[in-house]
Amino acid sequence: MKPMTLPFVAAAAAVTLLFAVPAAVQADPAELIEERQDFMKGLAKELRGIRNFVQEAEGAPEDVVEAARRIGEKAEEIPSLFPAGTGMHEVELKTGARPEIWEDPEDFAAKAANLRELALNFAEEVEKLGDDRTAIGRGLASLGRDGCGACHQVYREDLD
């Protein structure tokens, strides 16, 4: 890399952030929250599909593998769905996004990364387990507790 290239790249990144951050702030919080909630409902749908395989023998192990992979692939998007100004005490909309998300964004992002890793590892494990629904159920319980649940305990207010 040429000596002049690094400062140029840094300046370009700073300018990009300068314009990107105000665009996110100016976006309609209701739209952002609706997008986030739809995204999370999609993850929940994937988990329900896995649960239905374990409890009701609906579908096939391959369906479980694909659902777990989709969860893992989508998990890395989670932090970007929580821009500043969209927390439960900042908007007059129904959202369970606790302020702790923005107080400790590194931990929040780490939990999303952990969900990704757990889901992708679970998908690999299911490929080895075949149709052993009992073992898959244990893996699903761990994914729910240590993946989704780890984040929800700290960062989500139950609104139901």
Protein backbone atom coordinates (compact mmCIF):
# COMPACT_ATOMS: atom_id res chain seq x y z
CA MET A 1 0.00 0.00 0.00
CA LYS A 2 1.37 3.39 -0.95
CA PRO A 3 1.94 5.87 1.90
CA MET A 4 -0.68 8.26 0.49
CA THR A 5 -3.32 5.53 0.16
CA LEU A 6 -3.88 4.97 3.90
CA PRO A 7 -4.73 8.62 4.70
CA PHE A 8 -7.01 8.74 1.67
CA VAL A 9 -8.86 5.59 2.77
CA ALA A 10 -9.21 6.96 6.31
CA ALA A 11 -10.56 10.27 5.01
CA ALA A 12 -13.00 8.52 2.69
CA ALA A 13 -14.25 6.38 5.58
CA ALA A 14 -14.73 9.44 7.77
CA VAL A 15 -16.71 11.23 5.05
CA THR A 16 -18.84 8.13 4.52
CA LEU A 17 -19.64 7.97 8.23
CA LEU A 18 -20.36 11.68 8.29
CA PHE A 19 -23.12 11.21 5.75
CA ALA A 20 -24.30 7.74 6.78
CA VAL A 21 -24.93 8.54 10.44
CA PRO A 22 -27.23 11.51 9.80
CA ALA A 23 -29.15 9.43 7.26
CA ALA A 24 -29.82 6.76 9.91
CA VAL A 25 -30.79 9.39 12.47
CA GLN A 26 -33.15 11.08 10.03
CA ALA A 27 -34.89 7.81 9.13
CA ASP A 28 -38.36 7.36 10.56
CA PRO A 29 -38.01 5.52 13.91
CA ALA A 30 -41.35 3.78 13.33
CA GLU A 31 -40.10 2.33 10.05
CA LEU A 32 -36.81 1.27 11.61
CA ILE A 33 -38.57 -0.41 14.51
CA GLU A 34 -41.05 -2.15 12.20
CA GLU A 35 -38.17 -3.41 10.05
CA ARG A 36 -36.37 -4.66 13.15
CA GLN A 37 -39.47 -6.39 14.52
CA ASP A 38 -40.16 -8.07 11.17
CA PHE A 39 -36.56 -9.26 11.08
CA MET A 40 -36.82 -10.74 14.58
CA LYS A 41 -40.14 -12.39 13.72
CA GLY A 42 -38.34 -14.02 10.81
CA LEU A 43 -35.74 -15.46 13.19
CA ALA A 44 -38.54 -16.68 15.47
CA LYS A 45 -40.20 -18.38 12.50
CA GLU A 46 -36.97 -20.25 11.79
CA LEU A 47 -36.80 -21.38 15.43
CA ARG A 48 -40.45 -22.51 15.31
CA GLY A 49 -39.65 -24.63 12.27
CA ILE A 50 -36.84 -26.33 14.16
CA ARG A 51 -39.05 -26.79 17.22
CA ASN A 52 -41.80 -28.29 15.04
CA PHE A 53 -39.33 -30.85 13.72
CA VAL A 54 -38.23 -31.75 17.25
CA GLN A 55 -41.69 -31.88 18.80
CA GLU A 56 -43.97 -32.86 15.92
CA ALA A 57 -41.59 -34.53 13.42
CA GLU A 58 -42.59 -31.89 10.85
CA GLY A 59 -40.09 -31.52 8.07
CA ALA A 60 -36.70 -33.15 7.79
CA PRO A 61 -33.25 -32.74 9.33
CA GLU A 62 -32.20 -30.89 6.19
CA ASP A 63 -34.87 -28.27 6.93
CA VAL A 64 -33.42 -27.84 10.42
CA VAL A 65 -29.93 -27.40 8.99
CA GLU A 66 -31.13 -24.73 6.56
CA ALA A 67 -33.13 -22.88 9.24
CA ALA A 68 -30.15 -22.85 11.59
CA ARG A 69 -27.91 -21.57 8.81
CA ARG A 70 -30.34 -18.78 8.01
CA ILE A 71 -30.38 -17.77 11.68
CA GLY A 72 -26.58 -17.79 11.74
CA GLU A 73 -26.28 -15.77 8.55
CA LYS A 74 -28.83 -13.18 9.67
CA ALA A 75 -27.47 -12.84 13.20
CA GLU A 76 -24.63 -10.58 12.08
CA GLU A 77 -27.21 -8.02 10.91
CA ILE A 78 -28.77 -7.62 14.35
CA PRO A 79 -26.63 -4.74 15.69
CA SER A 80 -27.34 -2.64 12.59
CA LEU A 81 -31.08 -2.90 13.29
CA PHE A 82 -30.72 -0.89 16.49
CA PRO A 83 -29.71 2.65 15.54
CA ALA A 84 -29.62 5.28 18.27
CA GLY A 85 -33.00 6.83 18.97
CA THR A 86 -35.05 3.64 18.58
CA GLY A 87 -35.07 2.41 22.18
CA MET A 88 -38.11 1.89 24.36
CA HIS A 89 -37.72 5.14 26.27
CA GLU A 90 -36.91 7.23 23.19
CA VAL A 91 -39.99 6.63 21.05
CA GLU A 92 -43.69 6.48 21.66
CA LEU A 93 -43.93 3.14 19.94
CA LYS A 94 -44.18 -0.36 21.33
CA THR A 95 -40.64 -1.71 21.44
CA GLY A 96 -38.83 -3.80 23.99
CA ALA A 97 -35.37 -2.50 23.05
CA ARG A 98 -33.81 -1.63 26.41
CA PRO A 99 -31.37 1.29 26.78
CA GLU A 100 -28.63 -1.18 27.70
CA ILE A 101 -28.22 -1.89 23.97
CA TRP A 102 -26.72 1.56 23.46
CA GLU A 103 -24.96 1.67 26.83
CA ASP A 104 -22.88 -1.41 25.96
CA PRO A 105 -22.91 -1.79 22.17
CA GLU A 106 -19.79 -3.97 22.17
CA ASP A 107 -21.46 -6.60 24.35
CA PHE A 108 -24.64 -6.37 22.27
CA ALA A 109 -22.64 -7.00 19.09
CA ALA A 110 -20.73 -9.82 20.80
CA LYS A 111 -24.00 -11.52 21.71
CA ALA A 112 -25.16 -11.29 18.09
CA ALA A 113 -21.83 -12.77 16.96
CA ASN A 114 -22.26 -15.55 19.52
CA LEU A 115 -25.74 -16.31 18.17
CA ARG A 116 -24.22 -16.55 14.69
CA GLU A 117 -21.55 -18.99 15.86
CA LEU A 118 -23.99 -21.11 17.88
CA ALA A 119 -26.49 -21.34 15.02
CA LEU A 120 -23.87 -22.29 12.43
CA ASN A 121 -22.33 -24.86 14.80
CA PHE A 122 -25.81 -26.23 15.49
CA ALA A 123 -26.40 -26.60 11.73
CA GLU A 124 -23.17 -28.60 11.42
CA GLU A 125 -24.11 -30.77 14.38
CA VAL A 126 -27.57 -31.52 12.96
CA GLU A 127 -25.93 -32.69 9.73
CA LYS A 128 -24.12 -35.33 11.82
CA LEU A 129 -27.15 -36.22 13.98
CA GLY A 130 -29.52 -37.05 11.15
CA ASP A 131 -33.04 -37.51 12.47
CA ASP A 132 -32.15 -37.88 16.17
CA ARG A 133 -34.86 -35.50 17.34
CA THR A 134 -33.89 -35.85 21.01
CA ALA A 135 -30.32 -34.72 20.40
CA ILE A 136 -31.48 -31.98 18.03
CA GLY A 137 -33.88 -30.84 20.75
CA ARG A 138 -31.00 -30.49 23.20
CA GLY A 139 -29.10 -28.44 20.63
CA LEU A 140 -32.15 -26.28 20.02
CA ALA A 141 -32.52 -25.68 23.76
CA SER A 142 -28.90 -24.57 23.94
CA LEU A 143 -29.31 -22.29 20.91
CA GLY A 144 -32.37 -20.70 22.47
CA ARG A 145 -30.84 -20.31 25.92
CA ASP A 146 -27.27 -19.36 25.05
CA GLY A 147 -27.96 -17.59 21.76
CA CYS A 148 -31.31 -15.80 21.64
CA GLY A 149 -31.90 -15.90 25.38
CA ALA A 150 -28.51 -14.48 26.33
CA CYS A 151 -29.34 -11.30 24.46
CA HIS A 152 -33.01 -11.14 25.43
CA GLN A 153 -32.23 -11.40 29.15
CA VAL A 154 -30.19 -8.23 29.07
CA TYR A 155 -31.42 -6.22 26.11
CA ARG A 156 -35.11 -7.01 25.57
CA GLU A 157 -38.06 -5.99 27.69
CA ASP A 158 -40.91 -8.49 27.49
CA LEU A 159 -43.95 -6.53 26.36
CA ASP A 160 -46.47 -9.38 26.44
